[in-house]
């Protein structure tokens, strides 16, 4: 069960060659995005900046994904984008979020079959808070979820609470 021993018929038990550190690393590499992603927080690209600010605070997120009429990903809006827009003398109720968002193809995203640690590397390398989890469709990338630093932290806490990181199957 711990992964240190394996069994074969007519041979018996034998040592797999894995120590506890190797076992933990293998378990971490087996955690996929689909196991820990959460629901996406999206806004339509024609919505106002004011509406995006309200959604960001009511949903308690740092990143909102912007979609078109087909629910495909067109951009991302962060706290910084909304703060930058609100500092000026612009009317936030009439300013569309599409004006201030980071547009595709400059948006980093992931798929639900990716390894969670690899997505964590994307977050660190790009210095962002969350990534949209997408599926490819004929219209573009359909937003189906989100992976944030909180999701990744939850995965490692769950792993550590399960017998020092050794996952039983």
N, C-alpha and C. Protein backbone atom coordinates (compact mmCIF):
# COMPACT_ATOMS: atom_id res chain seq x y z
N UNK A 1 0.81 -1.20 0.00
CA UNK A 1 0.00 0.00 0.00
C UNK A 1 0.86 1.26 0.00
N UNK A 2 2.00 1.20 0.61
CA UNK A 2 2.87 2.37 0.67
C UNK A 2 3.69 2.54 -0.59
N UNK A 3 3.75 1.51 -1.43
CA UNK A 3 4.48 1.62 -2.68
C UNK A 3 5.92 1.15 -2.61
N UNK A 4 6.37 0.66 -1.45
CA UNK A 4 7.76 0.22 -1.31
C UNK A 4 7.95 -1.23 -1.75
N UNK A 5 6.88 -2.03 -1.63
CA UNK A 5 6.94 -3.43 -2.00
C UNK A 5 5.93 -3.70 -3.11
N UNK A 6 6.26 -4.65 -3.95
CA UNK A 6 5.34 -5.08 -4.98
C UNK A 6 5.31 -6.61 -4.95
N UNK A 7 4.33 -7.20 -5.57
CA UNK A 7 4.22 -8.67 -5.55
C UNK A 7 4.03 -9.18 -6.96
N UNK A 8 4.62 -10.37 -7.20
CA UNK A 8 4.45 -11.06 -8.47
C UNK A 8 4.17 -12.53 -8.17
N UNK A 9 3.33 -13.11 -9.02
CA UNK A 9 3.06 -14.55 -8.81
C UNK A 9 4.34 -15.36 -8.95
N UNK A 10 4.48 -16.36 -8.11
CA UNK A 10 5.62 -17.28 -8.08
C UNK A 10 6.95 -16.61 -7.75
N UNK A 11 6.95 -15.31 -7.48
CA UNK A 11 8.18 -14.63 -7.07
C UNK A 11 8.04 -14.18 -5.63
N UNK A 12 6.88 -13.64 -5.31
CA UNK A 12 6.66 -13.13 -3.98
C UNK A 12 6.81 -11.62 -3.94
N UNK A 13 7.10 -11.13 -2.77
CA UNK A 13 7.26 -9.69 -2.59
C UNK A 13 8.68 -9.28 -2.92
N UNK A 14 8.81 -8.08 -3.47
CA UNK A 14 10.15 -7.54 -3.74
C UNK A 14 10.13 -6.03 -3.58
N UNK A 15 11.29 -5.47 -3.32
CA UNK A 15 11.46 -4.04 -3.11
C UNK A 15 11.38 -3.32 -4.45
N UNK A 16 10.55 -2.26 -4.53
CA UNK A 16 10.35 -1.54 -5.79
C UNK A 16 11.50 -0.58 -6.10
N UNK A 17 12.32 -0.27 -5.10
CA UNK A 17 13.42 0.67 -5.31
C UNK A 17 13.05 2.10 -5.03
N UNK A 18 11.81 2.33 -4.61
CA UNK A 18 11.36 3.69 -4.33
C UNK A 18 11.50 3.97 -2.84
N UNK A 19 12.13 5.11 -2.53
CA UNK A 19 12.15 5.54 -1.13
C UNK A 19 10.96 6.46 -0.90
N UNK A 20 10.78 6.91 0.31
CA UNK A 20 9.60 7.73 0.63
C UNK A 20 9.61 9.05 -0.12
N UNK A 21 10.77 9.65 -0.35
CA UNK A 21 10.83 10.91 -1.10
C UNK A 21 10.39 10.69 -2.54
N UNK A 22 10.86 9.64 -3.15
CA UNK A 22 10.49 9.34 -4.54
C UNK A 22 9.00 9.06 -4.64
N UNK A 23 8.46 8.40 -3.63
CA UNK A 23 7.03 8.09 -3.61
C UNK A 23 6.20 9.38 -3.53
N UNK A 24 6.63 10.33 -2.70
CA UNK A 24 5.92 11.60 -2.57
C UNK A 24 5.98 12.36 -3.90
N UNK A 25 7.15 12.39 -4.52
CA UNK A 25 7.30 13.08 -5.81
C UNK A 25 6.40 12.44 -6.86
N UNK A 26 6.35 11.13 -6.90
CA UNK A 26 5.47 10.45 -7.85
C UNK A 26 4.01 10.79 -7.60
N UNK A 27 3.63 10.85 -6.33
CA UNK A 27 2.25 11.19 -6.00
C UNK A 27 1.91 12.62 -6.40
N UNK A 28 2.84 13.54 -6.20
CA UNK A 28 2.61 14.93 -6.59
C UNK A 28 2.45 15.02 -8.11
N UNK A 29 3.27 14.29 -8.85
CA UNK A 29 3.21 14.33 -10.31
C UNK A 29 1.94 13.66 -10.86
N UNK A 30 1.21 12.94 -10.02
CA UNK A 30 -0.03 12.28 -10.45
C UNK A 30 -1.27 13.12 -10.18
N UNK A 31 -1.11 14.28 -9.54
CA UNK A 31 -2.26 15.14 -9.27
C UNK A 31 -2.53 15.98 -10.52
N UNK A 32 -3.74 15.88 -11.03
CA UNK A 32 -4.11 16.59 -12.24
C UNK A 32 -5.01 17.78 -11.93
N UNK A 33 -5.08 18.71 -12.86
CA UNK A 33 -5.93 19.89 -12.71
C UNK A 33 -7.37 19.48 -12.46
N UNK A 34 -7.85 18.44 -13.15
CA UNK A 34 -9.25 18.03 -13.02
C UNK A 34 -9.62 17.62 -11.60
N UNK A 35 -8.62 17.29 -10.77
CA UNK A 35 -8.88 16.89 -9.39
C UNK A 35 -9.08 18.08 -8.46
N UNK A 36 -8.64 19.27 -8.87
CA UNK A 36 -8.65 20.41 -7.95
C UNK A 36 -9.16 21.72 -8.52
N UNK A 37 -9.56 21.78 -9.77
CA UNK A 37 -10.00 23.07 -10.30
C UNK A 37 -11.36 23.44 -9.73
N UNK A 38 -11.66 24.74 -9.74
CA UNK A 38 -12.92 25.23 -9.20
C UNK A 38 -13.73 25.92 -10.30
N UNK A 39 -14.92 26.39 -9.94
CA UNK A 39 -15.78 27.01 -10.95
C UNK A 39 -15.17 28.33 -11.42
N UNK A 40 -15.37 28.65 -12.69
CA UNK A 40 -14.80 29.89 -13.21
C UNK A 40 -15.66 31.10 -12.86
N UNK A 41 -15.02 32.23 -12.75
CA UNK A 41 -15.73 33.49 -12.58
C UNK A 41 -15.53 34.25 -13.88
N UNK A 42 -16.62 34.44 -14.61
CA UNK A 42 -16.53 35.04 -15.93
C UNK A 42 -17.41 36.27 -16.03
N UNK A 43 -17.07 37.10 -17.00
CA UNK A 43 -17.86 38.27 -17.33
C UNK A 43 -17.87 38.39 -18.85
N UNK A 44 -18.97 38.87 -19.39
CA UNK A 44 -19.07 39.04 -20.83
C UNK A 44 -18.22 40.24 -21.25
N UNK A 45 -17.65 40.18 -22.44
CA UNK A 45 -16.74 41.23 -22.89
C UNK A 45 -17.42 42.59 -23.07
N UNK A 46 -18.74 42.62 -23.18
CA UNK A 46 -19.46 43.90 -23.30
C UNK A 46 -19.87 44.46 -21.94
N UNK A 47 -19.62 43.74 -20.86
CA UNK A 47 -19.95 44.23 -19.52
C UNK A 47 -19.09 45.43 -19.18
N UNK A 48 -19.58 46.23 -18.27
CA UNK A 48 -18.84 47.44 -17.88
C UNK A 48 -17.75 47.09 -16.86
N UNK A 49 -16.79 47.97 -16.76
CA UNK A 49 -15.72 47.82 -15.77
C UNK A 49 -16.32 47.81 -14.36
N UNK A 50 -17.34 48.64 -14.15
CA UNK A 50 -18.00 48.68 -12.85
C UNK A 50 -18.59 47.30 -12.50
N UNK A 51 -19.25 46.67 -13.47
CA UNK A 51 -19.81 45.33 -13.25
C UNK A 51 -18.71 44.32 -12.92
N UNK A 52 -17.58 44.42 -13.59
CA UNK A 52 -16.46 43.52 -13.33
C UNK A 52 -15.93 43.72 -11.92
N UNK A 53 -15.85 44.96 -11.47
CA UNK A 53 -15.40 45.24 -10.10
C UNK A 53 -16.35 44.61 -9.09
N UNK A 54 -17.64 44.77 -9.31
CA UNK A 54 -18.64 44.21 -8.41
C UNK A 54 -18.53 42.69 -8.38
N UNK A 55 -18.39 42.05 -9.54
CA UNK A 55 -18.26 40.60 -9.60
C UNK A 55 -17.00 40.14 -8.89
N UNK A 56 -15.90 40.86 -9.10
CA UNK A 56 -14.64 40.47 -8.46
C UNK A 56 -14.77 40.46 -6.94
N UNK A 57 -15.42 41.47 -6.39
CA UNK A 57 -15.53 41.54 -4.94
C UNK A 57 -16.62 40.63 -4.39
N UNK A 58 -17.71 40.43 -5.10
CA UNK A 58 -18.75 39.53 -4.59
C UNK A 58 -18.32 38.07 -4.67
N UNK A 59 -17.52 37.73 -5.68
CA UNK A 59 -17.03 36.36 -5.82
C UNK A 59 -15.71 36.13 -5.06
N UNK A 60 -15.11 37.22 -4.57
CA UNK A 60 -13.86 37.17 -3.80
C UNK A 60 -12.74 36.47 -4.58
N UNK A 61 -12.49 36.99 -5.78
CA UNK A 61 -11.43 36.46 -6.64
C UNK A 61 -10.51 37.61 -7.06
N UNK A 62 -9.35 37.27 -7.56
CA UNK A 62 -8.41 38.28 -8.03
C UNK A 62 -8.33 38.36 -9.53
N UNK A 63 -8.98 37.42 -10.22
CA UNK A 63 -8.94 37.36 -11.67
C UNK A 63 -10.31 36.97 -12.20
N UNK A 64 -10.74 37.68 -13.24
CA UNK A 64 -12.00 37.35 -13.90
C UNK A 64 -11.68 37.02 -15.36
N UNK A 65 -12.30 35.97 -15.87
CA UNK A 65 -12.10 35.58 -17.25
C UNK A 65 -13.19 36.22 -18.10
N UNK A 66 -12.79 36.77 -19.22
CA UNK A 66 -13.71 37.48 -20.11
C UNK A 66 -14.07 36.55 -21.27
N UNK A 67 -15.38 36.42 -21.53
CA UNK A 67 -15.86 35.52 -22.58
C UNK A 67 -16.73 36.28 -23.57
N UNK A 68 -16.91 35.68 -24.75
CA UNK A 68 -17.79 36.26 -25.76
C UNK A 68 -19.17 35.60 -25.69
N UNK A 69 -19.99 35.83 -26.70
CA UNK A 69 -21.36 35.29 -26.69
C UNK A 69 -21.40 33.76 -26.76
N UNK A 70 -20.31 33.13 -27.20
CA UNK A 70 -20.23 31.66 -27.25
C UNK A 70 -19.58 31.07 -26.00
N UNK A 71 -19.32 31.89 -25.00
CA UNK A 71 -18.64 31.50 -23.76
C UNK A 71 -17.20 31.05 -24.01
N UNK A 72 -16.60 31.53 -25.08
CA UNK A 72 -15.21 31.22 -25.34
C UNK A 72 -14.33 32.34 -24.80
N UNK A 73 -13.15 31.97 -24.38
CA UNK A 73 -12.21 32.89 -23.74
C UNK A 73 -11.72 33.95 -24.72
N UNK A 74 -11.88 35.22 -24.33
CA UNK A 74 -11.36 36.31 -25.14
C UNK A 74 -10.32 37.12 -24.39
N UNK A 75 -10.31 37.02 -23.03
CA UNK A 75 -9.35 37.80 -22.27
C UNK A 75 -9.45 37.53 -20.78
N UNK A 76 -8.64 38.28 -20.04
CA UNK A 76 -8.58 38.16 -18.58
C UNK A 76 -8.47 39.57 -17.99
N UNK A 77 -9.15 39.78 -16.87
CA UNK A 77 -9.07 41.05 -16.15
C UNK A 77 -8.59 40.76 -14.73
N UNK A 78 -7.56 41.48 -14.31
CA UNK A 78 -7.00 41.30 -12.97
C UNK A 78 -7.35 42.49 -12.09
N UNK A 79 -7.00 42.38 -10.82
CA UNK A 79 -7.19 43.51 -9.89
C UNK A 79 -6.46 44.75 -10.38
N UNK A 80 -5.24 44.54 -10.86
CA UNK A 80 -4.44 45.67 -11.35
C UNK A 80 -5.11 46.38 -12.51
N UNK A 81 -5.69 45.61 -13.43
CA UNK A 81 -6.39 46.21 -14.57
C UNK A 81 -7.55 47.07 -14.10
N UNK A 82 -8.32 46.57 -13.15
CA UNK A 82 -9.48 47.31 -12.65
C UNK A 82 -9.05 48.53 -11.84
N UNK A 83 -7.99 48.40 -11.08
CA UNK A 83 -7.49 49.55 -10.32
C UNK A 83 -6.98 50.63 -11.26
N UNK A 84 -6.24 50.23 -12.28
CA UNK A 84 -5.72 51.18 -13.25
C UNK A 84 -6.86 51.94 -13.93
N UNK A 85 -7.94 51.23 -14.28
CA UNK A 85 -9.08 51.86 -14.95
C UNK A 85 -9.83 52.80 -14.01
N UNK A 86 -9.87 52.46 -12.74
CA UNK A 86 -10.65 53.27 -11.80
C UNK A 86 -9.91 54.51 -11.32
N UNK A 87 -8.60 54.57 -11.49
CA UNK A 87 -7.84 55.74 -11.06
C UNK A 87 -8.10 56.94 -11.95
N UNK A 88 -8.32 56.73 -13.22
CA UNK A 88 -8.56 57.83 -14.16
C UNK A 88 -9.92 58.45 -13.96
N UNK A 89 -10.24 59.39 -14.81
CA UNK A 89 -11.53 60.08 -14.72
C UNK A 89 -12.53 59.50 -15.71
N UNK A 90 -12.44 58.18 -15.93
CA UNK A 90 -13.34 57.53 -16.86
C UNK A 90 -14.62 57.10 -16.16
N UNK A 91 -15.70 57.06 -16.91
CA UNK A 91 -16.98 56.60 -16.38
C UNK A 91 -16.99 55.07 -16.42
N UNK A 92 -16.87 54.43 -15.25
CA UNK A 92 -16.73 52.99 -15.17
C UNK A 92 -17.99 52.23 -15.60
N UNK A 93 -19.15 52.88 -15.50
CA UNK A 93 -20.40 52.23 -15.91
C UNK A 93 -20.53 52.12 -17.43
N UNK A 94 -19.84 52.98 -18.15
CA UNK A 94 -19.96 52.95 -19.61
C UNK A 94 -18.71 52.39 -20.31
N UNK A 95 -17.63 52.19 -19.57
CA UNK A 95 -16.40 51.66 -20.15
C UNK A 95 -16.48 50.13 -20.22
N UNK A 96 -16.43 49.54 -21.43
CA UNK A 96 -16.50 48.07 -21.53
C UNK A 96 -15.21 47.42 -21.01
N UNK A 97 -15.37 46.27 -20.38
CA UNK A 97 -14.24 45.55 -19.82
C UNK A 97 -13.27 45.11 -20.93
N UNK A 98 -13.76 44.97 -22.16
CA UNK A 98 -12.92 44.56 -23.28
C UNK A 98 -11.82 45.59 -23.57
N UNK A 99 -12.01 46.82 -23.16
CA UNK A 99 -11.01 47.88 -23.39
C UNK A 99 -9.79 47.67 -22.50
N UNK A 100 -9.98 47.18 -21.29
CA UNK A 100 -8.87 47.11 -20.33
C UNK A 100 -8.31 45.70 -20.13
N UNK A 101 -8.93 44.68 -20.71
CA UNK A 101 -8.52 43.30 -20.46
C UNK A 101 -7.23 42.95 -21.20
N UNK A 102 -6.58 41.89 -20.73
CA UNK A 102 -5.48 41.27 -21.47
C UNK A 102 -6.13 40.33 -22.47
N UNK A 103 -5.80 40.51 -23.72
CA UNK A 103 -6.48 39.77 -24.80
C UNK A 103 -5.76 38.49 -25.18
N UNK A 104 -6.52 37.58 -25.78
CA UNK A 104 -5.95 36.40 -26.41
C UNK A 104 -5.10 36.89 -27.57
N UNK A 105 -3.98 36.34 -27.88
CA UNK A 105 -3.36 35.12 -27.41
C UNK A 105 -2.41 35.34 -26.24
N UNK A 106 -2.47 36.48 -25.58
CA UNK A 106 -1.56 36.78 -24.48
C UNK A 106 -2.02 36.22 -23.15
N UNK A 107 -3.06 35.42 -23.16
CA UNK A 107 -3.60 34.82 -21.93
C UNK A 107 -3.03 33.41 -21.77
N UNK A 108 -2.50 33.14 -20.59
CA UNK A 108 -2.02 31.80 -20.27
C UNK A 108 -3.20 30.99 -19.74
N UNK A 109 -3.33 29.77 -20.20
CA UNK A 109 -4.45 28.91 -19.79
C UNK A 109 -3.94 27.49 -19.63
N UNK A 110 -4.81 26.62 -19.14
CA UNK A 110 -4.44 25.21 -18.97
C UNK A 110 -5.63 24.33 -19.30
N UNK A 111 -5.35 23.04 -19.42
CA UNK A 111 -6.38 22.04 -19.68
C UNK A 111 -6.54 21.16 -18.44
N UNK A 112 -7.69 20.52 -18.29
CA UNK A 112 -7.96 19.76 -17.07
C UNK A 112 -7.12 18.50 -16.95
N UNK A 113 -6.49 18.04 -18.01
CA UNK A 113 -5.64 16.85 -17.96
C UNK A 113 -4.18 17.17 -17.66
N UNK A 114 -3.85 18.45 -17.47
CA UNK A 114 -2.47 18.83 -17.16
C UNK A 114 -2.13 18.49 -15.71
N UNK A 115 -0.84 18.31 -15.45
CA UNK A 115 -0.35 18.05 -14.09
C UNK A 115 -0.42 19.36 -13.30
N UNK A 116 -0.95 19.30 -12.11
CA UNK A 116 -1.17 20.49 -11.29
C UNK A 116 0.14 21.23 -10.98
N UNK A 117 1.21 20.50 -10.77
CA UNK A 117 2.50 21.13 -10.49
C UNK A 117 2.97 21.96 -11.69
N UNK A 118 2.74 21.48 -12.89
CA UNK A 118 3.11 22.22 -14.09
C UNK A 118 2.31 23.52 -14.19
N UNK A 119 1.05 23.48 -13.80
CA UNK A 119 0.22 24.68 -13.79
C UNK A 119 0.74 25.65 -12.73
N UNK A 120 1.18 25.11 -11.60
CA UNK A 120 1.79 25.96 -10.57
C UNK A 120 3.03 26.68 -11.10
N UNK A 121 3.80 25.99 -11.91
CA UNK A 121 4.98 26.62 -12.54
C UNK A 121 4.56 27.74 -13.47
N UNK A 122 3.47 27.55 -14.22
CA UNK A 122 2.96 28.62 -15.09
C UNK A 122 2.57 29.84 -14.27
N UNK A 123 1.88 29.60 -13.14
CA UNK A 123 1.48 30.71 -12.28
C UNK A 123 2.69 31.48 -11.76
N UNK A 124 3.70 30.75 -11.31
CA UNK A 124 4.89 31.40 -10.77
C UNK A 124 5.67 32.14 -11.85
N UNK A 125 5.88 31.49 -13.00
CA UNK A 125 6.67 32.10 -14.06
C UNK A 125 6.03 33.36 -14.62
N UNK A 126 4.70 33.37 -14.72
CA UNK A 126 3.98 34.53 -15.25
C UNK A 126 3.60 35.54 -14.17
N UNK A 127 3.80 35.14 -12.89
CA UNK A 127 3.46 35.98 -11.74
C UNK A 127 1.99 36.42 -11.79
N UNK A 128 1.11 35.41 -11.91
CA UNK A 128 -0.33 35.66 -11.95
C UNK A 128 -1.01 34.83 -10.86
N UNK A 129 -2.27 35.16 -10.59
CA UNK A 129 -3.00 34.53 -9.50
C UNK A 129 -3.80 33.30 -9.91
N UNK A 130 -4.29 33.27 -11.14
CA UNK A 130 -5.17 32.17 -11.56
C UNK A 130 -5.08 31.97 -13.07
N UNK A 131 -5.40 30.74 -13.47
CA UNK A 131 -5.46 30.39 -14.89
C UNK A 131 -6.84 29.84 -15.22
N UNK A 132 -7.35 30.16 -16.40
CA UNK A 132 -8.60 29.51 -16.82
C UNK A 132 -8.32 28.08 -17.26
N UNK A 133 -9.21 27.19 -16.88
CA UNK A 133 -9.16 25.81 -17.36
C UNK A 133 -10.09 25.79 -18.57
N UNK A 134 -9.58 25.34 -19.71
CA UNK A 134 -10.35 25.44 -20.95
C UNK A 134 -10.45 24.09 -21.66
N UNK A 135 -11.43 24.01 -22.55
CA UNK A 135 -11.58 22.89 -23.48
C UNK A 135 -11.59 23.48 -24.88
N UNK A 136 -10.94 22.81 -25.81
CA UNK A 136 -10.95 23.26 -27.20
C UNK A 136 -12.28 22.91 -27.84
N UNK A 137 -12.88 23.89 -28.51
CA UNK A 137 -14.10 23.67 -29.29
C UNK A 137 -13.87 24.26 -30.68
N UNK A 138 -14.84 24.09 -31.56
CA UNK A 138 -14.70 24.66 -32.90
C UNK A 138 -14.74 26.18 -32.88
N UNK A 139 -15.35 26.77 -31.84
CA UNK A 139 -15.44 28.22 -31.75
C UNK A 139 -14.23 28.85 -31.06
N UNK A 140 -13.45 28.05 -30.35
CA UNK A 140 -12.31 28.58 -29.60
C UNK A 140 -12.12 27.80 -28.32
N UNK A 141 -11.70 28.49 -27.28
CA UNK A 141 -11.44 27.86 -25.99
C UNK A 141 -12.60 28.13 -25.04
N UNK A 142 -13.32 27.09 -24.66
CA UNK A 142 -14.45 27.20 -23.75
C UNK A 142 -13.93 27.16 -22.31
N UNK A 143 -14.30 28.15 -21.52
CA UNK A 143 -13.87 28.22 -20.12
C UNK A 143 -14.73 27.28 -19.29
N UNK A 144 -14.08 26.29 -18.63
CA UNK A 144 -14.82 25.33 -17.82
C UNK A 144 -14.44 25.39 -16.34
N UNK A 145 -13.38 26.14 -16.00
CA UNK A 145 -12.96 26.21 -14.60
C UNK A 145 -11.82 27.18 -14.42
N UNK A 146 -11.27 27.16 -13.21
CA UNK A 146 -10.14 28.02 -12.87
C UNK A 146 -9.22 27.29 -11.91
N UNK A 147 -7.93 27.56 -12.02
CA UNK A 147 -6.95 27.05 -11.08
C UNK A 147 -6.24 28.26 -10.50
N UNK A 148 -6.26 28.36 -9.19
CA UNK A 148 -5.61 29.48 -8.51
C UNK A 148 -4.57 28.95 -7.54
N UNK A 149 -3.87 29.85 -6.91
CA UNK A 149 -2.89 29.46 -5.90
C UNK A 149 -3.58 28.72 -4.76
N UNK A 150 -4.80 29.08 -4.48
CA UNK A 150 -5.55 28.40 -3.41
C UNK A 150 -5.82 26.94 -3.77
N UNK A 151 -6.18 26.67 -5.02
CA UNK A 151 -6.40 25.28 -5.45
C UNK A 151 -5.14 24.44 -5.29
N UNK A 152 -4.00 25.01 -5.64
CA UNK A 152 -2.74 24.28 -5.55
C UNK A 152 -2.36 24.06 -4.09
N UNK A 153 -2.57 25.07 -3.27
CA UNK A 153 -2.31 24.93 -1.83
C UNK A 153 -3.20 23.84 -1.24
N UNK A 154 -4.46 23.80 -1.63
CA UNK A 154 -5.39 22.76 -1.15
C UNK A 154 -4.89 21.37 -1.52
N UNK A 155 -4.35 21.22 -2.71
CA UNK A 155 -3.84 19.91 -3.14
C UNK A 155 -2.68 19.46 -2.26
N UNK A 156 -1.77 20.37 -1.94
CA UNK A 156 -0.62 20.00 -1.12
C UNK A 156 -1.02 19.76 0.33
N UNK A 157 -1.99 20.49 0.83
CA UNK A 157 -2.49 20.24 2.19
C UNK A 157 -3.16 18.86 2.24
N UNK A 158 -3.98 18.56 1.23
CA UNK A 158 -4.62 17.24 1.18
C UNK A 158 -3.57 16.14 1.10
N UNK A 159 -2.53 16.35 0.32
CA UNK A 159 -1.48 15.36 0.18
C UNK A 159 -0.75 15.15 1.51
N UNK A 160 -0.47 16.22 2.22
CA UNK A 160 0.25 16.10 3.49
C UNK A 160 -0.61 15.48 4.59
N UNK A 161 -1.92 15.63 4.51
CA UNK A 161 -2.82 15.05 5.51
C UNK A 161 -3.07 13.57 5.28
N UNK A 162 -2.60 13.04 4.17
CA UNK A 162 -2.83 11.64 3.85
C UNK A 162 -1.54 10.85 4.04
N UNK A 163 -1.22 10.51 5.26
CA UNK A 163 -0.07 9.66 5.61
C UNK A 163 1.24 10.17 5.04
N UNK A 164 1.61 11.40 5.36
CA UNK A 164 2.89 11.98 4.95
C UNK A 164 3.08 11.99 3.45
N UNK A 165 2.01 12.18 2.70
CA UNK A 165 2.13 12.32 1.26
C UNK A 165 2.10 11.03 0.49
N UNK A 166 1.89 9.91 1.15
CA UNK A 166 1.81 8.63 0.43
C UNK A 166 0.34 8.34 0.18
N UNK A 167 -0.06 8.40 -1.06
CA UNK A 167 -1.46 8.21 -1.42
C UNK A 167 -1.73 6.73 -1.58
N UNK A 168 -2.74 6.26 -0.87
CA UNK A 168 -3.14 4.86 -0.99
C UNK A 168 -4.17 4.75 -2.09
N UNK A 169 -4.08 3.70 -2.88
CA UNK A 169 -5.05 3.51 -3.97
C UNK A 169 -5.95 2.35 -3.69
